[in-house]
Structure formats: structure tokens, C-alpha cells
Amino acid sequence: MIPSTVLHDPELSSKEKVLYALLLSYAWHNNERFPGYDALARDMGLDVQSVKWILLGLIHHELITKDDQDLYRIKRLTGLASGV
């Protein structure tokens, strides 16, 4: 379930919202494993470079972080009416 604060955020593009939801679905399976650019691109019907740009947007909006080893982490959102 995508948090309502993310779903209704007018500053996020529809692709950013979909990728965020996709990352949540992977995180619920394994909190530490990033599915990889190829898998995300395939799931979204996009090329890898597009997925990387969308990930940068999610970092910019402070919904995810990326460490020095290219591991992405979903930031815990607080104060949500509904969500994860």
C-alpha cells in the first residue's frame, strides 16, 4: 500500500509514485535487497536509464536514500494517516 502522503503529493510524478510503490513491494519481500535496475525497468516497461532518473527524483523528494555501495533504502515516513 502506498502511503496517502506519497499518492497525493502533487510534486511527485506518476512514474515516481509507481516506482516508489514497486520498491515498497520489493522491500516487503526482503528489506535489504534492491531488485536491480533491469528488474525495475522490466516491471515498469522502461529502460534502465529512465529508472535511474526516477530514482534520483525519489532521492530528491527524500523518499529513499542511496549509500556509497548503490544500496537504496526506503525512508520511514512518520505522521501518516495511512501507509506502511
Protein backbone atom coordinates (compact mmCIF):
# COMPACT_ATOMS: atom_id res chain seq x y z
CA MET A 1 0.00 0.00 0.00
CA ILE A 2 1.41 3.36 -0.99
CA PRO A 3 1.16 5.99 1.75
CA SER A 4 -1.51 8.58 1.03
CA THR A 5 1.02 11.38 1.54
CA VAL A 6 3.01 9.97 -1.38
CA LEU A 7 -0.01 9.11 -3.51
CA HIS A 8 -1.48 12.61 -3.24
CA ASP A 9 1.78 14.59 -3.43
CA PRO A 10 1.44 16.91 -6.46
CA GLU A 11 5.23 17.34 -6.62
CA LEU A 12 5.76 13.66 -7.44
CA SER A 13 5.34 12.43 -10.99
CA SER A 14 3.17 9.42 -11.69
CA LYS A 15 6.30 7.44 -12.56
CA GLU A 16 7.89 8.36 -9.22
CA LYS A 17 4.75 7.18 -7.42
CA VAL A 18 4.71 3.88 -9.33
CA LEU A 19 8.41 3.24 -8.76
CA TYR A 20 8.01 4.05 -5.07
CA ALA A 21 5.15 1.55 -4.83
CA LEU A 22 7.24 -1.02 -6.69
CA LEU A 23 10.15 -0.51 -4.30
CA LEU A 24 7.76 -0.98 -1.37
CA SER A 25 6.56 -4.26 -2.86
CA TYR A 26 10.16 -5.50 -3.10
CA ALA A 27 11.01 -4.22 0.38
CA TRP A 28 8.18 -6.22 1.91
CA HIS A 29 9.75 -9.34 0.43
CA ASN A 30 13.26 -8.53 1.59
CA ASN A 31 14.08 -5.31 3.42
CA GLU A 32 17.72 -5.29 2.36
CA ARG A 33 17.67 -6.38 -1.27
CA PHE A 34 17.47 -3.93 -4.14
CA PRO A 35 15.86 -5.70 -7.11
CA GLY A 36 18.31 -4.23 -9.63
CA TYR A 37 17.85 -1.76 -12.42
CA ASP A 38 16.99 -4.39 -15.04
CA ALA A 39 14.16 -5.85 -12.94
CA LEU A 40 12.75 -2.40 -12.13
CA ALA A 41 12.95 -1.34 -15.78
CA ARG A 42 11.20 -4.52 -16.88
CA ASP A 43 8.49 -4.14 -14.24
CA MET A 44 7.85 -0.51 -15.25
CA GLY A 45 8.16 -1.03 -19.00
CA LEU A 46 11.01 1.48 -19.17
CA ASP A 47 14.70 1.48 -19.95
CA VAL A 48 17.31 1.36 -17.19
CA GLN A 49 18.38 4.99 -17.64
CA SER A 50 14.78 6.16 -17.11
CA VAL A 51 14.57 4.14 -13.90
CA LYS A 52 17.80 5.72 -12.66
CA TRP A 53 16.39 9.21 -13.32
CA ILE A 54 13.19 8.36 -11.46
CA LEU A 55 15.23 7.01 -8.54
CA LEU A 56 17.10 10.32 -8.43
CA GLY A 57 13.73 12.06 -8.20
CA LEU A 58 12.76 9.88 -5.23
CA ILE A 59 16.07 10.76 -3.57
CA HIS A 60 15.43 14.45 -4.25
CA HIS A 61 12.00 14.17 -2.61
CA GLU A 62 13.69 12.39 0.32
CA LEU A 63 11.62 9.21 -0.03
CA ILE A 64 14.65 6.96 -0.49
CA THR A 65 18.36 7.17 0.19
CA LYS A 66 21.34 5.68 -1.64
CA ASP A 67 24.56 4.70 0.06
CA ASP A 68 28.09 4.52 -1.31
CA GLN A 69 27.57 0.91 -2.45
CA ASP A 70 24.47 1.74 -4.55
CA LEU A 71 22.11 0.26 -1.96
CA TYR A 72 18.78 2.06 -1.91
CA ARG A 73 16.75 2.29 1.27
CA ILE A 74 13.18 3.43 1.68
CA LYS A 75 12.96 6.11 4.32
CA ARG A 76 10.38 5.54 7.04
CA LEU A 77 7.63 8.11 6.77
CA THR A 78 6.15 9.35 10.02
CA GLY A 79 2.88 11.05 10.78
CA LEU A 80 0.95 9.27 8.05
CA ALA A 81 -2.81 8.92 8.06
CA SER A 82 -2.35 5.57 6.34
CA GLY A 83 0.55 3.72 4.86
CA VAL A 84 3.41 1.41 5.65
